[in-house]
Amino acid sequence: MSYSYPFDESWSKQEIIDVVNFFSLIEKAYEHQVSREDLLTVYRRFKEIVPSKSEEKQLFAEFNKSSGYTPYQVIKKARDSQSKTIKM
């Protein structure tokens, strides 16, 4: 992994940890597979920290640019799927 996870320096330590956990699961969905329920749970927590759609899009774009992984597609697949696991 030669990239970093995007975050806002104004967030608390726990918020940064939670956002990093979210992006880590996105990465894991591409490289292995993740539990759909775990992914949706960390996404809900991510949305508590980043309620703004525009800020979410900006963070997703930063992550996509540095990693090549698209968080939006992972979340969309998790929402649309009834499978217990998500793999991209």
N, C-alpha and C. Protein backbone atom coordinates (compact mmCIF):
# COMPACT_ATOMS: atom_id res chain seq x y z
N MET A 1 0.86 -1.19 0.00
CA MET A 1 0.00 0.00 0.00
C MET A 1 0.90 1.24 0.00
N SER A 2 0.86 2.00 -1.05
CA SER A 2 1.70 3.19 -1.14
C SER A 2 0.84 4.46 -1.23
N TYR A 3 -0.23 4.46 -0.48
CA TYR A 3 -1.12 5.63 -0.46
C TYR A 3 -1.61 5.84 0.96
N SER A 4 -2.25 7.00 1.17
CA SER A 4 -2.75 7.31 2.51
C SER A 4 -4.27 7.48 2.46
N TYR A 5 -4.87 7.35 3.61
CA TYR A 5 -6.31 7.53 3.71
C TYR A 5 -6.63 9.01 3.94
N PRO A 6 -7.63 9.54 3.25
CA PRO A 6 -7.98 10.95 3.45
C PRO A 6 -8.72 11.16 4.77
N PHE A 7 -8.42 12.28 5.42
CA PHE A 7 -9.15 12.64 6.64
C PHE A 7 -9.02 14.13 6.86
N ASP A 8 -9.84 14.65 7.75
CA ASP A 8 -9.87 16.07 8.09
C ASP A 8 -9.17 16.25 9.44
N GLU A 9 -8.23 17.15 9.51
CA GLU A 9 -7.46 17.35 10.74
C GLU A 9 -8.31 17.88 11.89
N SER A 10 -9.51 18.37 11.60
CA SER A 10 -10.37 18.87 12.66
C SER A 10 -11.14 17.74 13.37
N TRP A 11 -11.09 16.53 12.81
CA TRP A 11 -11.78 15.41 13.42
C TRP A 11 -11.06 14.97 14.69
N SER A 12 -11.83 14.36 15.59
CA SER A 12 -11.23 13.80 16.81
C SER A 12 -10.43 12.55 16.44
N LYS A 13 -9.63 12.11 17.38
CA LYS A 13 -8.83 10.91 17.17
C LYS A 13 -9.73 9.71 16.82
N GLN A 14 -10.84 9.56 17.54
CA GLN A 14 -11.75 8.44 17.28
C GLN A 14 -12.41 8.56 15.91
N GLU A 15 -12.76 9.77 15.51
CA GLU A 15 -13.35 9.97 14.19
C GLU A 15 -12.36 9.59 13.08
N ILE A 16 -11.11 9.96 13.25
CA ILE A 16 -10.07 9.60 12.27
C ILE A 16 -9.94 8.07 12.20
N ILE A 17 -9.92 7.43 13.35
CA ILE A 17 -9.83 5.97 13.39
C ILE A 17 -11.01 5.34 12.67
N ASP A 18 -12.21 5.86 12.91
CA ASP A 18 -13.42 5.32 12.28
C ASP A 18 -13.41 5.51 10.75
N VAL A 19 -12.95 6.66 10.30
CA VAL A 19 -12.88 6.92 8.85
C VAL A 19 -11.81 6.03 8.21
N VAL A 20 -10.68 5.88 8.87
CA VAL A 20 -9.64 4.99 8.35
C VAL A 20 -10.16 3.55 8.29
N ASN A 21 -10.92 3.13 9.31
CA ASN A 21 -11.52 1.78 9.28
C ASN A 21 -12.45 1.62 8.08
N PHE A 22 -13.22 2.66 7.78
CA PHE A 22 -14.11 2.61 6.62
C PHE A 22 -13.31 2.42 5.33
N PHE A 23 -12.30 3.26 5.12
CA PHE A 23 -11.51 3.15 3.89
C PHE A 23 -10.73 1.83 3.85
N SER A 24 -10.34 1.33 4.99
CA SER A 24 -9.66 0.04 5.06
C SER A 24 -10.58 -1.09 4.58
N LEU A 25 -11.87 -1.02 4.95
CA LEU A 25 -12.81 -2.04 4.47
C LEU A 25 -13.07 -1.91 2.97
N ILE A 26 -13.05 -0.69 2.47
CA ILE A 26 -13.20 -0.50 1.01
C ILE A 26 -12.03 -1.20 0.31
N GLU A 27 -10.85 -0.96 0.82
CA GLU A 27 -9.65 -1.60 0.27
C GLU A 27 -9.77 -3.13 0.34
N LYS A 28 -10.22 -3.63 1.48
CA LYS A 28 -10.37 -5.07 1.67
C LYS A 28 -11.41 -5.66 0.72
N ALA A 29 -12.46 -4.90 0.42
CA ALA A 29 -13.49 -5.37 -0.52
C ALA A 29 -12.90 -5.61 -1.90
N TYR A 30 -11.93 -4.82 -2.28
CA TYR A 30 -11.28 -5.00 -3.58
C TYR A 30 -10.24 -6.11 -3.54
N GLU A 31 -9.52 -6.23 -2.45
CA GLU A 31 -8.41 -7.17 -2.39
C GLU A 31 -8.82 -8.56 -1.91
N HIS A 32 -9.88 -8.65 -1.13
CA HIS A 32 -10.34 -9.94 -0.61
C HIS A 32 -11.87 -9.95 -0.67
N GLN A 33 -12.50 -9.91 0.48
CA GLN A 33 -13.94 -9.74 0.58
C GLN A 33 -14.25 -9.26 1.99
N VAL A 34 -15.40 -8.62 2.15
CA VAL A 34 -15.80 -8.10 3.46
C VAL A 34 -17.25 -8.48 3.74
N SER A 35 -17.58 -8.48 5.00
CA SER A 35 -18.96 -8.70 5.41
C SER A 35 -19.79 -7.49 4.98
N ARG A 36 -20.90 -7.76 4.32
CA ARG A 36 -21.80 -6.69 3.89
C ARG A 36 -22.28 -5.88 5.08
N GLU A 37 -22.67 -6.57 6.16
CA GLU A 37 -23.18 -5.89 7.34
C GLU A 37 -22.10 -5.01 7.99
N ASP A 38 -20.87 -5.52 8.09
CA ASP A 38 -19.77 -4.73 8.65
C ASP A 38 -19.53 -3.48 7.81
N LEU A 39 -19.55 -3.65 6.50
CA LEU A 39 -19.32 -2.53 5.60
C LEU A 39 -20.40 -1.46 5.77
N LEU A 40 -21.66 -1.87 5.82
CA LEU A 40 -22.75 -0.90 5.97
C LEU A 40 -22.71 -0.24 7.35
N THR A 41 -22.27 -0.97 8.36
CA THR A 41 -22.15 -0.39 9.70
C THR A 41 -21.07 0.69 9.74
N VAL A 42 -19.90 0.40 9.17
CA VAL A 42 -18.85 1.42 9.18
C VAL A 42 -19.20 2.59 8.27
N TYR A 43 -19.97 2.33 7.21
CA TYR A 43 -20.41 3.43 6.35
C TYR A 43 -21.37 4.35 7.10
N ARG A 44 -22.28 3.76 7.88
CA ARG A 44 -23.19 4.59 8.69
C ARG A 44 -22.40 5.47 9.65
N ARG A 45 -21.36 4.92 10.25
CA ARG A 45 -20.50 5.70 11.16
C ARG A 45 -19.77 6.79 10.36
N PHE A 46 -19.28 6.45 9.18
CA PHE A 46 -18.63 7.43 8.31
C PHE A 46 -19.58 8.60 8.03
N LYS A 47 -20.86 8.29 7.76
CA LYS A 47 -21.84 9.34 7.46
C LYS A 47 -22.15 10.20 8.68
N GLU A 48 -22.00 9.67 9.88
CA GLU A 48 -22.15 10.49 11.09
C GLU A 48 -21.01 11.52 11.16
N ILE A 49 -19.84 11.12 10.74
CA ILE A 49 -18.66 12.00 10.77
C ILE A 49 -18.69 12.96 9.58
N VAL A 50 -19.11 12.46 8.43
CA VAL A 50 -19.12 13.23 7.17
C VAL A 50 -20.54 13.26 6.62
N PRO A 51 -21.42 14.07 7.21
CA PRO A 51 -22.81 14.09 6.74
C PRO A 51 -22.99 14.78 5.39
N SER A 52 -22.07 15.66 5.03
CA SER A 52 -22.16 16.41 3.79
C SER A 52 -21.86 15.53 2.58
N LYS A 53 -22.78 15.49 1.62
CA LYS A 53 -22.58 14.70 0.41
C LYS A 53 -21.38 15.21 -0.39
N SER A 54 -21.20 16.52 -0.42
CA SER A 54 -20.08 17.07 -1.19
C SER A 54 -18.73 16.72 -0.54
N GLU A 55 -18.68 16.74 0.79
CA GLU A 55 -17.44 16.35 1.46
C GLU A 55 -17.18 14.86 1.27
N GLU A 56 -18.25 14.06 1.31
CA GLU A 56 -18.10 12.62 1.06
C GLU A 56 -17.53 12.39 -0.34
N LYS A 57 -18.08 13.07 -1.33
CA LYS A 57 -17.59 12.92 -2.71
C LYS A 57 -16.13 13.32 -2.82
N GLN A 58 -15.75 14.39 -2.12
CA GLN A 58 -14.36 14.86 -2.15
C GLN A 58 -13.43 13.81 -1.53
N LEU A 59 -13.81 13.26 -0.38
CA LEU A 59 -12.98 12.24 0.26
C LEU A 59 -12.91 10.97 -0.59
N PHE A 60 -14.03 10.59 -1.19
CA PHE A 60 -14.04 9.42 -2.06
C PHE A 60 -13.12 9.64 -3.27
N ALA A 61 -13.15 10.85 -3.83
CA ALA A 61 -12.29 11.17 -4.98
C ALA A 61 -10.82 11.13 -4.60
N GLU A 62 -10.49 11.66 -3.43
CA GLU A 62 -9.10 11.62 -2.95
C GLU A 62 -8.64 10.18 -2.79
N PHE A 63 -9.48 9.36 -2.17
CA PHE A 63 -9.13 7.96 -1.95
C PHE A 63 -8.98 7.23 -3.28
N ASN A 64 -9.91 7.48 -4.20
CA ASN A 64 -9.85 6.85 -5.52
C ASN A 64 -8.58 7.24 -6.26
N LYS A 65 -8.22 8.51 -6.19
CA LYS A 65 -7.04 9.00 -6.89
C LYS A 65 -5.76 8.36 -6.35
N SER A 66 -5.68 8.18 -5.04
CA SER A 66 -4.46 7.63 -4.45
C SER A 66 -4.41 6.11 -4.49
N SER A 67 -5.59 5.45 -4.46
CA SER A 67 -5.59 3.99 -4.35
C SER A 67 -6.07 3.27 -5.61
N GLY A 68 -6.90 3.95 -6.40
CA GLY A 68 -7.51 3.30 -7.55
C GLY A 68 -8.81 2.58 -7.20
N TYR A 69 -9.20 2.61 -5.91
CA TYR A 69 -10.43 1.96 -5.45
C TYR A 69 -11.56 2.99 -5.39
N THR A 70 -12.77 2.57 -5.77
CA THR A 70 -13.91 3.47 -5.81
C THR A 70 -14.89 3.14 -4.68
N PRO A 71 -14.87 3.91 -3.59
CA PRO A 71 -15.77 3.64 -2.47
C PRO A 71 -17.25 3.64 -2.87
N TYR A 72 -17.63 4.55 -3.74
CA TYR A 72 -19.04 4.63 -4.15
C TYR A 72 -19.54 3.30 -4.70
N GLN A 73 -18.74 2.67 -5.55
CA GLN A 73 -19.15 1.41 -6.17
C GLN A 73 -19.29 0.29 -5.15
N VAL A 74 -18.41 0.29 -4.14
CA VAL A 74 -18.48 -0.73 -3.09
C VAL A 74 -19.76 -0.55 -2.27
N ILE A 75 -20.05 0.68 -1.88
CA ILE A 75 -21.25 0.96 -1.08
C ILE A 75 -22.50 0.65 -1.90
N LYS A 76 -22.50 1.03 -3.17
CA LYS A 76 -23.65 0.75 -4.03
C LYS A 76 -23.88 -0.75 -4.13
N LYS A 77 -22.82 -1.51 -4.32
CA LYS A 77 -22.95 -2.96 -4.41
C LYS A 77 -23.48 -3.54 -3.10
N ALA A 78 -23.00 -3.03 -1.97
CA ALA A 78 -23.46 -3.51 -0.65
C ALA A 78 -24.94 -3.21 -0.45
N ARG A 79 -25.37 -2.04 -0.86
CA ARG A 79 -26.78 -1.67 -0.71
C ARG A 79 -27.69 -2.49 -1.61
N ASP A 80 -27.23 -2.77 -2.82
CA ASP A 80 -28.05 -3.46 -3.82
C ASP A 80 -28.04 -4.98 -3.65
N SER A 81 -27.08 -5.48 -2.90
CA SER A 81 -26.89 -6.93 -2.77
C SER A 81 -27.59 -7.49 -1.55
N GLN A 82 -27.94 -8.75 -1.64
CA GLN A 82 -28.46 -9.47 -0.48
C GLN A 82 -27.42 -10.48 0.03
N SER A 83 -26.28 -10.51 -0.65
CA SER A 83 -25.19 -11.43 -0.28
C SER A 83 -24.63 -11.05 1.09
N LYS A 84 -24.09 -12.02 1.81
CA LYS A 84 -23.50 -11.75 3.11
C LYS A 84 -22.12 -11.12 3.01
N THR A 85 -21.46 -11.32 1.85
CA THR A 85 -20.13 -10.74 1.65
C THR A 85 -20.10 -9.92 0.37
N ILE A 86 -19.18 -8.98 0.35
CA ILE A 86 -18.98 -8.10 -0.81
C ILE A 86 -17.55 -8.28 -1.30
N LYS A 87 -17.43 -8.52 -2.60
CA LYS A 87 -16.12 -8.62 -3.24
C LYS A 87 -16.19 -7.88 -4.56
N MET A 88 -15.21 -7.02 -4.79
CA MET A 88 -15.19 -6.24 -6.02
C MET A 88 -14.28 -6.94 -7.04
